[in-house]
Amino acid sequence: MRVMLVISLVVILAACESAERARTPVVDAHALAEQGDTARLLETITQHGDVDRRDICYRTPLMLAAQYGHLETVESLLNAGARVALHEKGYYTALMLAAGNGHAQVVQRLAAAGADVDEIEITRGWTALIWAAKRGHRETVRALLELQADTSIRDAQGRSAHDWARAAGHADIAAMLASQRAVVSRIP
C-alpha cells in the first residue's frame, strides 16, 4: 500500500513538473509567484483574473510564493484576496509548504491570515509541525509552537513531530518539542 502511495505521489509530482514547461499566462502567474516577482505577478493576475487560479496540480500562486519563502509576494497575494485554506492535489496548504521549507515568517503571516496550523495532509498524515521538525527547521518549529500547534498529532505511521525530529537527528528540535509537551501536560 505504501509503495502504491509513493508511486502515485511521484506520478503526480512528475505531471506537475512537466506541466510547468507549457507556459501560458495562467502558468506564468505561478512561475512569477515561485520567483517572487510580485509586481509582474499582480499585473498578470489583474489582466487574467483569479488570484486563486490553480495549475494542473491545483497549486495557487500563494502556495508557490509560500513554498519558496517570498514573504512580500505572500503579503501582496493575501491583500489581493488569496485564500489560505486551499489545498493542492496532495492536500498540502500554503502554510504546510512554507513550514516544510523553513520559512518561519511566511508561516506566521499565513497563520495571522487564518491558516490552520494543525491541518493534516492526506498522503502521510503530516502537519506543518511534523514537516518542519523532520526537516530541521528550528525557527519554523518555534514559530509553530508559538502559534499553539498541536504537538500530540501523529501521522499515518504513528509518529509525532518529536519522533520525526529525533529520528532525523535534530536533537535540539526534539528537546524543544519534548519541553513543549511537558508544559502542555501540566496545564489543568
N, C-alpha and C. Protein backbone atom coordinates (compact mmCIF):
# COMPACT_ATOMS: atom_id res chain seq x y z
N MET A 1 0.83 -1.20 0.00
CA MET A 1 0.00 0.00 0.00
C MET A 1 0.87 1.26 0.00
N ARG A 2 1.92 1.26 0.87
CA ARG A 2 2.79 2.41 0.95
C ARG A 2 3.52 2.65 -0.37
N VAL A 3 3.92 1.55 -1.03
CA VAL A 3 4.63 1.67 -2.30
C VAL A 3 3.72 2.31 -3.34
N MET A 4 2.45 1.91 -3.37
CA MET A 4 1.49 2.49 -4.31
C MET A 4 1.31 3.98 -4.04
N LEU A 5 1.26 4.35 -2.76
CA LEU A 5 1.10 5.75 -2.40
C LEU A 5 2.30 6.57 -2.86
N VAL A 6 3.49 6.03 -2.66
CA VAL A 6 4.71 6.73 -3.08
C VAL A 6 4.75 6.85 -4.60
N ILE A 7 4.41 5.77 -5.30
CA ILE A 7 4.39 5.80 -6.77
C ILE A 7 3.39 6.83 -7.25
N SER A 8 2.21 6.86 -6.64
CA SER A 8 1.19 7.85 -7.02
C SER A 8 1.69 9.27 -6.82
N LEU A 9 2.35 9.51 -5.70
CA LEU A 9 2.88 10.83 -5.41
C LEU A 9 3.94 11.22 -6.43
N VAL A 10 4.81 10.28 -6.80
CA VAL A 10 5.85 10.55 -7.80
C VAL A 10 5.22 10.90 -9.14
N VAL A 11 4.18 10.17 -9.53
CA VAL A 11 3.49 10.43 -10.80
C VAL A 11 2.85 11.82 -10.78
N ILE A 12 2.21 12.17 -9.67
CA ILE A 12 1.59 13.50 -9.55
C ILE A 12 2.65 14.58 -9.67
N LEU A 13 3.75 14.43 -8.95
CA LEU A 13 4.81 15.44 -8.99
C LEU A 13 5.42 15.55 -10.38
N ALA A 14 5.61 14.42 -11.06
CA ALA A 14 6.17 14.45 -12.41
C ALA A 14 5.23 15.17 -13.36
N ALA A 15 3.93 14.93 -13.22
CA ALA A 15 2.95 15.61 -14.07
C ALA A 15 2.98 17.11 -13.80
N CYS A 16 3.12 17.48 -12.54
CA CYS A 16 3.17 18.90 -12.18
C CYS A 16 4.39 19.56 -12.81
N GLU A 17 5.53 18.91 -12.74
CA GLU A 17 6.75 19.50 -13.28
C GLU A 17 6.68 19.61 -14.80
N SER A 18 6.14 18.59 -15.48
CA SER A 18 6.08 18.66 -16.95
C SER A 18 5.09 19.73 -17.38
N ALA A 19 4.06 19.96 -16.59
CA ALA A 19 3.08 20.99 -16.93
C ALA A 19 3.71 22.38 -16.87
N GLU A 20 4.72 22.54 -16.03
CA GLU A 20 5.37 23.84 -15.90
C GLU A 20 6.07 24.26 -17.19
N ARG A 21 6.39 23.29 -18.03
CA ARG A 21 7.09 23.60 -19.28
C ARG A 21 6.18 24.28 -20.29
N ALA A 22 4.89 24.02 -20.21
CA ALA A 22 3.94 24.60 -21.17
C ALA A 22 3.42 25.91 -20.59
N ARG A 23 4.07 27.00 -20.86
CA ARG A 23 3.73 28.29 -20.27
C ARG A 23 2.55 28.97 -20.96
N THR A 24 1.62 29.40 -20.15
CA THR A 24 0.50 30.24 -20.58
C THR A 24 0.45 31.38 -19.57
N PRO A 25 -0.38 32.41 -19.80
CA PRO A 25 -0.47 33.47 -18.79
C PRO A 25 -0.81 32.94 -17.40
N VAL A 26 -1.68 31.91 -17.34
CA VAL A 26 -2.05 31.36 -16.05
C VAL A 26 -0.84 30.68 -15.40
N VAL A 27 -0.16 29.84 -16.16
CA VAL A 27 1.03 29.17 -15.63
C VAL A 27 2.12 30.19 -15.32
N ASP A 28 2.22 31.23 -16.14
CA ASP A 28 3.21 32.28 -15.86
C ASP A 28 2.96 32.93 -14.51
N ALA A 29 1.69 33.09 -14.11
CA ALA A 29 1.40 33.64 -12.79
C ALA A 29 2.01 32.74 -11.72
N HIS A 30 1.93 31.45 -11.92
CA HIS A 30 2.52 30.52 -10.97
C HIS A 30 4.05 30.62 -10.98
N ALA A 31 4.63 30.75 -12.15
CA ALA A 31 6.09 30.89 -12.25
C ALA A 31 6.55 32.19 -11.59
N LEU A 32 5.79 33.26 -11.79
CA LEU A 32 6.13 34.54 -11.17
C LEU A 32 6.04 34.47 -9.65
N ALA A 33 5.05 33.74 -9.15
CA ALA A 33 4.92 33.56 -7.70
C ALA A 33 6.11 32.77 -7.17
N GLU A 34 6.49 31.73 -7.88
CA GLU A 34 7.64 30.91 -7.49
C GLU A 34 8.92 31.74 -7.45
N GLN A 35 9.05 32.67 -8.38
CA GLN A 35 10.24 33.52 -8.47
C GLN A 35 10.18 34.71 -7.50
N GLY A 36 9.00 34.99 -6.96
CA GLY A 36 8.85 36.14 -6.07
C GLY A 36 8.79 37.46 -6.81
N ASP A 37 8.37 37.42 -8.06
CA ASP A 37 8.26 38.64 -8.89
C ASP A 37 6.87 39.25 -8.65
N THR A 38 6.74 39.93 -7.52
CA THR A 38 5.45 40.42 -7.05
C THR A 38 4.79 41.37 -8.02
N ALA A 39 5.51 42.35 -8.52
CA ALA A 39 4.91 43.36 -9.41
C ALA A 39 4.33 42.72 -10.66
N ARG A 40 5.11 41.89 -11.33
CA ARG A 40 4.62 41.24 -12.56
C ARG A 40 3.51 40.24 -12.26
N LEU A 41 3.58 39.58 -11.12
CA LEU A 41 2.54 38.64 -10.73
C LEU A 41 1.21 39.35 -10.55
N LEU A 42 1.21 40.46 -9.82
CA LEU A 42 -0.03 41.20 -9.60
C LEU A 42 -0.58 41.76 -10.90
N GLU A 43 0.30 42.18 -11.79
CA GLU A 43 -0.13 42.66 -13.11
C GLU A 43 -0.79 41.52 -13.90
N THR A 44 -0.18 40.35 -13.87
CA THR A 44 -0.74 39.19 -14.58
C THR A 44 -2.09 38.79 -14.00
N ILE A 45 -2.20 38.79 -12.69
CA ILE A 45 -3.47 38.44 -12.05
C ILE A 45 -4.54 39.47 -12.39
N THR A 46 -4.17 40.74 -12.40
CA THR A 46 -5.12 41.80 -12.76
C THR A 46 -5.62 41.62 -14.19
N GLN A 47 -4.73 41.27 -15.10
CA GLN A 47 -5.11 41.10 -16.51
C GLN A 47 -5.88 39.82 -16.78
N HIS A 48 -5.55 38.75 -16.05
CA HIS A 48 -6.12 37.45 -16.39
C HIS A 48 -7.05 36.88 -15.33
N GLY A 49 -7.30 37.63 -14.26
CA GLY A 49 -8.34 37.20 -13.33
C GLY A 49 -7.90 36.59 -12.03
N ASP A 50 -8.48 35.50 -11.68
CA ASP A 50 -8.50 34.82 -10.40
C ASP A 50 -7.15 34.73 -9.67
N VAL A 51 -7.08 35.34 -8.48
CA VAL A 51 -5.86 35.29 -7.66
C VAL A 51 -5.60 33.87 -7.14
N ASP A 52 -6.65 33.05 -7.09
CA ASP A 52 -6.53 31.68 -6.62
C ASP A 52 -6.54 30.67 -7.77
N ARG A 53 -6.23 31.12 -8.96
CA ARG A 53 -6.21 30.22 -10.13
C ARG A 53 -5.25 29.07 -9.87
N ARG A 54 -5.66 27.88 -10.22
CA ARG A 54 -4.86 26.68 -9.94
C ARG A 54 -4.14 26.19 -11.18
N ASP A 55 -2.98 25.60 -10.96
CA ASP A 55 -2.27 24.94 -12.06
C ASP A 55 -2.73 23.48 -12.12
N ILE A 56 -2.08 22.68 -12.93
CA ILE A 56 -2.50 21.29 -13.12
C ILE A 56 -2.46 20.48 -11.82
N CYS A 57 -1.65 20.89 -10.88
CA CYS A 57 -1.54 20.20 -9.59
C CYS A 57 -2.36 20.89 -8.50
N TYR A 58 -3.25 21.79 -8.93
CA TYR A 58 -4.14 22.54 -8.03
C TYR A 58 -3.39 23.50 -7.12
N ARG A 59 -2.17 23.85 -7.48
CA ARG A 59 -1.42 24.83 -6.69
C ARG A 59 -1.85 26.23 -7.10
N THR A 60 -1.92 27.10 -6.12
CA THR A 60 -2.23 28.51 -6.37
C THR A 60 -0.92 29.31 -6.32
N PRO A 61 -0.94 30.54 -6.83
CA PRO A 61 0.25 31.38 -6.69
C PRO A 61 0.67 31.55 -5.22
N LEU A 62 -0.30 31.64 -4.32
CA LEU A 62 0.03 31.78 -2.90
C LEU A 62 0.82 30.57 -2.40
N MET A 63 0.43 29.39 -2.81
CA MET A 63 1.15 28.18 -2.38
C MET A 63 2.61 28.22 -2.84
N LEU A 64 2.82 28.62 -4.08
CA LEU A 64 4.18 28.66 -4.62
C LEU A 64 5.02 29.76 -3.97
N ALA A 65 4.42 30.92 -3.76
CA ALA A 65 5.15 32.00 -3.09
C ALA A 65 5.52 31.58 -1.67
N ALA A 66 4.61 30.89 -0.98
CA ALA A 66 4.88 30.41 0.37
C ALA A 66 5.97 29.34 0.38
N GLN A 67 5.89 28.41 -0.56
CA GLN A 67 6.87 27.33 -0.64
C GLN A 67 8.29 27.86 -0.84
N TYR A 68 8.41 28.93 -1.61
CA TYR A 68 9.73 29.48 -1.90
C TYR A 68 10.11 30.64 -0.97
N GLY A 69 9.26 30.94 0.02
CA GLY A 69 9.62 31.90 1.05
C GLY A 69 9.56 33.36 0.65
N HIS A 70 8.73 33.69 -0.31
CA HIS A 70 8.63 35.07 -0.78
C HIS A 70 7.57 35.82 0.04
N LEU A 71 7.99 36.34 1.19
CA LEU A 71 7.08 36.99 2.13
C LEU A 71 6.34 38.17 1.50
N GLU A 72 7.04 39.02 0.77
CA GLU A 72 6.40 40.18 0.14
C GLU A 72 5.33 39.73 -0.86
N THR A 73 5.62 38.69 -1.61
CA THR A 73 4.66 38.17 -2.58
C THR A 73 3.46 37.57 -1.86
N VAL A 74 3.72 36.82 -0.79
CA VAL A 74 2.63 36.25 0.01
C VAL A 74 1.74 37.37 0.54
N GLU A 75 2.35 38.39 1.10
CA GLU A 75 1.60 39.53 1.64
C GLU A 75 0.73 40.17 0.56
N SER A 76 1.30 40.40 -0.62
CA SER A 76 0.55 41.03 -1.71
C SER A 76 -0.60 40.15 -2.18
N LEU A 77 -0.37 38.85 -2.26
CA LEU A 77 -1.43 37.93 -2.68
C LEU A 77 -2.56 37.89 -1.65
N LEU A 78 -2.20 37.90 -0.37
CA LEU A 78 -3.23 37.94 0.67
C LEU A 78 -4.03 39.24 0.58
N ASN A 79 -3.34 40.35 0.36
CA ASN A 79 -4.03 41.64 0.21
C ASN A 79 -4.93 41.66 -1.02
N ALA A 80 -4.58 40.85 -2.04
CA ALA A 80 -5.39 40.77 -3.26
C ALA A 80 -6.54 39.77 -3.12
N GLY A 81 -6.64 39.14 -1.94
CA GLY A 81 -7.77 38.24 -1.69
C GLY A 81 -7.47 36.75 -1.80
N ALA A 82 -6.22 36.36 -1.89
CA ALA A 82 -5.89 34.93 -1.96
C ALA A 82 -6.38 34.22 -0.70
N ARG A 83 -6.90 33.02 -0.88
CA ARG A 83 -7.44 32.24 0.24
C ARG A 83 -6.38 31.29 0.79
N VAL A 84 -6.23 31.29 2.11
CA VAL A 84 -5.18 30.49 2.76
C VAL A 84 -5.58 29.04 2.98
N ALA A 85 -6.85 28.71 2.91
CA ALA A 85 -7.30 27.36 3.26
C ALA A 85 -7.35 26.39 2.08
N LEU A 86 -6.93 26.82 0.90
CA LEU A 86 -6.98 25.93 -0.26
C LEU A 86 -5.88 24.87 -0.17
N HIS A 87 -6.14 23.72 -0.81
CA HIS A 87 -5.20 22.60 -0.83
C HIS A 87 -4.83 22.26 -2.26
N GLU A 88 -3.62 21.75 -2.45
CA GLU A 88 -3.25 21.22 -3.76
C GLU A 88 -3.55 19.72 -3.78
N LYS A 89 -3.15 19.02 -4.84
CA LYS A 89 -3.54 17.61 -5.00
C LYS A 89 -3.17 16.72 -3.82
N GLY A 90 -2.04 16.94 -3.22
CA GLY A 90 -1.62 16.13 -2.08
C GLY A 90 -2.21 16.61 -0.76
N TYR A 91 -3.07 17.62 -0.84
CA TYR A 91 -3.75 18.22 0.30
C TYR A 91 -2.82 19.11 1.12
N TYR A 92 -1.74 19.56 0.50
CA TYR A 92 -0.84 20.50 1.17
C TYR A 92 -1.40 21.90 1.04
N THR A 93 -1.28 22.67 2.10
CA THR A 93 -1.70 24.07 2.09
C THR A 93 -0.47 24.95 1.94
N ALA A 94 -0.70 26.22 1.71
CA ALA A 94 0.41 27.18 1.62
C ALA A 94 1.23 27.17 2.91
N LEU A 95 0.56 27.08 4.06
CA LEU A 95 1.27 27.07 5.33
C LEU A 95 2.15 25.83 5.46
N MET A 96 1.65 24.67 5.05
CA MET A 96 2.46 23.45 5.11
C MET A 96 3.69 23.56 4.22
N LEU A 97 3.49 24.11 3.02
CA LEU A 97 4.61 24.25 2.09
C LEU A 97 5.66 25.22 2.63
N ALA A 98 5.22 26.29 3.27
CA ALA A 98 6.16 27.23 3.89
C ALA A 98 6.91 26.57 5.04
N ALA A 99 6.18 25.85 5.89
CA ALA A 99 6.80 25.20 7.05
C ALA A 99 7.80 24.13 6.63
N GLY A 100 7.43 23.34 5.64
CA GLY A 100 8.30 22.26 5.18
C GLY A 100 9.58 22.76 4.54
N ASN A 101 9.59 24.03 4.17
CA ASN A 101 10.78 24.61 3.54
C ASN A 101 11.46 25.65 4.44
N GLY A 102 11.03 25.72 5.69
CA GLY A 102 11.73 26.54 6.67
C GLY A 102 11.49 28.03 6.60
N HIS A 103 10.32 28.44 6.17
CA HIS A 103 10.03 29.87 6.04
C HIS A 103 9.13 30.34 7.20
N ALA A 104 9.75 30.55 8.35
CA ALA A 104 9.02 30.87 9.58
C ALA A 104 8.18 32.14 9.46
N GLN A 105 8.71 33.19 8.85
CA GLN A 105 7.95 34.44 8.73
C GLN A 105 6.72 34.26 7.85
N VAL A 106 6.85 33.47 6.81
CA VAL A 106 5.70 33.20 5.94
C VAL A 106 4.66 32.40 6.72
N VAL A 107 5.09 31.42 7.50
CA VAL A 107 4.18 30.64 8.34
C VAL A 107 3.41 31.57 9.27
N GLN A 108 4.11 32.48 9.92
CA GLN A 108 3.45 33.42 10.85
C GLN A 108 2.43 34.28 10.12
N ARG A 109 2.77 34.76 8.95
CA ARG A 109 1.86 35.63 8.19
C ARG A 109 0.62 34.87 7.74
N LEU A 110 0.82 33.64 7.27
CA LEU A 110 -0.33 32.83 6.83
C LEU A 110 -1.24 32.49 8.00
N ALA A 111 -0.65 32.18 9.15
CA ALA A 111 -1.45 31.90 10.34
C ALA A 111 -2.23 33.14 10.76
N ALA A 112 -1.60 34.31 10.68
CA ALA A 112 -2.29 35.56 11.00
C ALA A 112 -3.47 35.81 10.06
N ALA A 113 -3.37 35.28 8.84
CA ALA A 113 -4.44 35.43 7.86
C ALA A 113 -5.51 34.34 8.00
N GLY A 114 -5.34 33.45 8.98
CA GLY A 114 -6.36 32.44 9.24
C GLY A 114 -6.02 31.02 8.85
N ALA A 115 -4.81 30.76 8.39
CA ALA A 115 -4.44 29.39 8.03
C ALA A 115 -4.40 28.51 9.28
N ASP A 116 -4.86 27.29 9.14
CA ASP A 116 -4.91 26.32 10.24
C ASP A 116 -3.53 25.68 10.41
N VAL A 117 -2.89 25.90 11.55
CA VAL A 117 -1.55 25.35 11.77
C VAL A 117 -1.58 23.84 12.01
N ASP A 118 -2.74 23.28 12.28
CA ASP A 118 -2.85 21.84 12.55
C ASP A 118 -3.50 21.05 11.42
N GLU A 119 -3.62 21.66 10.26
CA GLU A 119 -4.16 20.95 9.09
C GLU A 119 -3.32 19.71 8.82
N ILE A 120 -3.97 18.63 8.41
CA ILE A 120 -3.27 17.36 8.15
C ILE A 120 -3.40 17.03 6.67
N GLU A 121 -2.25 16.78 6.01
CA GLU A 121 -2.30 16.39 4.59
C GLU A 121 -2.60 14.90 4.50
N ILE A 122 -3.07 14.45 3.32
CA ILE A 122 -3.61 13.09 3.22
C ILE A 122 -2.62 12.02 2.78
N THR A 123 -1.46 12.38 2.26
CA THR A 123 -0.55 11.34 1.77
C THR A 123 0.21 10.65 2.90
N ARG A 124 0.62 11.41 3.92
CA ARG A 124 1.38 10.84 5.03
C ARG A 124 0.78 11.19 6.39
N GLY A 125 -0.20 12.04 6.39
CA GLY A 125 -0.79 12.47 7.65
C GLY A 125 0.05 13.48 8.39
N TRP A 126 0.86 14.23 7.64
CA TRP A 126 1.75 15.20 8.26
C TRP A 126 1.06 16.55 8.46
N THR A 127 1.52 17.23 9.50
CA THR A 127 1.13 18.62 9.76
C THR A 127 2.33 19.50 9.42
N ALA A 128 2.12 20.79 9.47
CA ALA A 128 3.22 21.73 9.25
C ALA A 128 4.32 21.51 10.29
N LEU A 129 3.92 21.22 11.53
CA LEU A 129 4.90 21.00 12.60
C LEU A 129 5.74 19.75 12.33
N ILE A 130 5.11 18.69 11.87
CA ILE A 130 5.87 17.47 11.55
C ILE A 130 6.86 17.75 10.43
N TRP A 131 6.40 18.43 9.39
CA TRP A 131 7.30 18.76 8.27
C TRP A 131 8.51 19.54 8.75
N ALA A 132 8.26 20.60 9.50
CA ALA A 132 9.35 21.47 9.96
C ALA A 132 10.30 20.73 10.89
N ALA A 133 9.76 19.91 11.78
CA ALA A 133 10.60 19.17 12.73
C ALA A 133 11.46 18.14 12.01
N LYS A 134 10.87 17.40 11.10
CA LYS A 134 11.62 16.36 10.37
C LYS A 134 12.74 16.97 9.54
N ARG A 135 12.49 18.13 8.98
CA ARG A 135 13.48 18.76 8.11
C ARG A 135 14.47 19.66 8.85
N GLY A 136 14.30 19.77 10.16
CA GLY A 136 15.28 20.50 10.96
C GLY A 136 15.14 22.01 10.93
N HIS A 137 13.96 22.52 10.70
CA HIS A 137 13.74 23.97 10.62
C HIS A 137 13.37 24.52 12.01
N ARG A 138 14.39 24.77 12.80
CA ARG A 138 14.22 25.18 14.20
C ARG A 138 13.35 26.42 14.37
N GLU A 139 13.62 27.48 13.61
CA GLU A 139 12.84 28.72 13.77
C GLU A 139 11.38 28.53 13.35
N THR A 140 11.16 27.68 12.37
CA THR A 140 9.79 27.41 11.94
C THR A 140 9.07 26.59 13.01
N VAL A 141 9.75 25.61 13.60
CA VAL A 141 9.15 24.85 14.70
C VAL A 141 8.81 25.80 15.84
N ARG A 142 9.74 26.68 16.18
CA ARG A 142 9.50 27.65 17.26
C ARG A 142 8.27 28.52 16.94
N ALA A 143 8.18 28.99 15.70
CA ALA A 143 7.03 29.82 15.30
C ALA A 143 5.73 29.04 15.42
N LEU A 144 5.74 27.79 14.99
CA LEU A 144 4.52 26.96 15.07
C LEU A 144 4.13 26.69 16.52
N LEU A 145 5.10 26.48 17.38
CA LEU A 145 4.79 26.28 18.80
C LEU A 145 4.20 27.55 19.40
N GLU A 146 4.73 28.71 19.02
CA GLU A 146 4.17 29.98 19.49
C GLU A 146 2.74 30.17 18.98
N LEU A 147 2.44 29.56 17.85
CA LEU A 147 1.09 29.63 17.27
C LEU A 147 0.18 28.53 17.82
N GLN A 148 0.65 27.82 18.85
CA GLN A 148 -0.10 26.77 19.53
C GLN A 148 -0.33 25.52 18.68
N ALA A 149 0.60 25.19 17.79
CA ALA A 149 0.48 23.96 17.01
C ALA A 149 0.43 22.77 17.97
N ASP A 150 -0.40 21.80 17.64
CA ASP A 150 -0.62 20.62 18.48
C ASP A 150 0.55 19.64 18.33
N THR A 151 1.30 19.45 19.40
CA THR A 151 2.46 18.54 19.36
C THR A 151 2.06 17.08 19.49
N SER A 152 0.82 16.80 19.81
CA SER A 152 0.40 15.41 20.03
C SER A 152 -0.10 14.72 18.76
N ILE A 153 -0.27 15.45 17.68
CA ILE A 153 -0.77 14.84 16.44
C ILE A 153 0.25 13.84 15.91
N ARG A 154 -0.24 12.68 15.53
CA ARG A 154 0.61 11.62 14.97
C ARG A 154 0.22 11.38 13.52
N ASP A 155 1.22 11.06 12.72
CA ASP A 155 0.99 10.84 11.29
C ASP A 155 0.49 9.42 11.01
N ALA A 156 0.42 9.05 9.74
CA ALA A 156 -0.09 7.74 9.33
C ALA A 156 0.77 6.59 9.87
N GLN A 157 2.02 6.87 10.20
CA GLN A 157 2.91 5.85 10.77
C GLN A 157 2.89 5.85 12.30
N GLY A 158 2.09 6.73 12.87
CA GLY A 158 2.01 6.82 14.32
C GLY A 158 3.11 7.67 14.95
N ARG A 159 3.81 8.46 14.13
CA ARG A 159 4.91 9.28 14.62
C ARG A 159 4.48 10.73 14.82
N SER A 160 4.98 11.33 15.88
CA SER A 160 4.73 12.74 16.16
C SER A 160 5.88 13.59 15.61
N ALA A 161 5.73 14.89 15.70
CA ALA A 161 6.81 15.80 15.29
C ALA A 161 8.07 15.51 16.10
N HIS A 162 7.91 15.25 17.40
CA HIS A 162 9.04 14.91 18.26
C HIS A 162 9.74 13.66 17.76
N ASP A 163 8.97 12.62 17.42
CA ASP A 163 9.55 11.37 16.92
C ASP A 163 10.36 11.61 15.64
N TRP A 164 9.80 12.41 14.73
CA TRP A 164 10.48 12.69 13.46
C TRP A 164 11.76 13.50 13.69
N ALA A 165 11.70 14.48 14.57
CA ALA A 165 12.90 15.29 14.84
C ALA A 165 14.01 14.42 15.43
N ARG A 166 13.64 13.57 16.37
CA ARG A 166 14.63 12.68 17.00
C ARG A 166 15.21 11.72 15.97
N ALA A 167 14.36 11.11 15.14
CA ALA A 167 14.82 10.14 14.14
C ALA A 167 15.73 10.79 13.09
N ALA A 168 15.47 12.07 12.80
CA ALA A 168 16.27 12.77 11.79
C ALA A 168 17.55 13.38 12.38
N GLY A 169 17.76 13.20 13.68
CA GLY A 169 18.99 13.69 14.30
C GLY A 169 18.95 15.16 14.70
N HIS A 170 17.76 15.71 14.83
CA HIS A 170 17.62 17.11 15.23
C HIS A 170 17.32 17.17 16.73
N ALA A 171 18.34 16.88 17.53
CA ALA A 171 18.19 16.77 18.98
C ALA A 171 17.66 18.05 19.61
N ASP A 172 18.11 19.20 19.12
CA ASP A 172 17.66 20.48 19.68
C ASP A 172 16.16 20.68 19.46
N ILE A 173 15.68 20.30 18.29
CA ILE A 173 14.25 20.43 17.98
C ILE A 173 13.46 19.41 18.79
N ALA A 174 13.97 18.18 18.89
CA ALA A 174 13.30 17.15 19.70
C ALA A 174 13.17 17.62 21.15
N ALA A 175 14.22 18.25 21.68
CA ALA A 175 14.18 18.75 23.05
C ALA A 175 13.16 19.88 23.19
N MET A 176 13.11 20.76 22.20
CA MET A 176 12.14 21.86 22.21
C MET A 176 10.71 21.30 22.23
N LEU A 177 10.46 20.29 21.40
CA LEU A 177 9.13 19.68 21.33
C LEU A 177 8.80 18.92 22.61
N ALA A 178 9.78 18.22 23.18
CA ALA A 178 9.56 17.49 24.44
C ALA A 178 9.23 18.46 25.56
N SER A 179 9.93 19.58 25.60
CA SER A 179 9.66 20.57 26.64
C SER A 179 8.28 21.19 26.45
N GLN A 180 7.87 21.39 25.23
CA GLN A 180 6.52 21.92 24.95
C GLN A 180 5.46 20.92 25.39
N ARG A 181 5.70 19.62 25.14
CA ARG A 181 4.74 18.59 25.56
C ARG A 181 4.62 18.57 27.07
N ALA A 182 5.75 18.74 27.78
CA ALA A 182 5.74 18.74 29.24
C ALA A 182 4.93 19.91 29.77
N VAL A 183 5.08 21.07 29.16
CA VAL A 183 4.32 22.26 29.58
C VAL A 183 2.84 22.04 29.35
N VAL A 184 2.48 21.52 28.18
CA VAL A 184 1.07 21.30 27.85
C VAL A 184 0.46 20.27 28.79
N SER A 185 1.20 19.22 29.15
CA SER A 185 0.64 18.18 30.01
C SER A 185 0.42 18.68 31.44
N ARG A 186 1.11 19.75 31.87
CA ARG A 186 0.92 20.31 33.21
C ARG A 186 -0.25 21.28 33.29
N ILE A 187 -0.77 21.70 32.15
CA ILE A 187 -1.89 22.64 32.16
C ILE A 187 -3.16 21.89 32.52
N PRO A 188 -3.90 22.37 33.56
CA PRO A 188 -5.10 21.65 34.01
C PRO A 188 -6.22 21.67 32.99
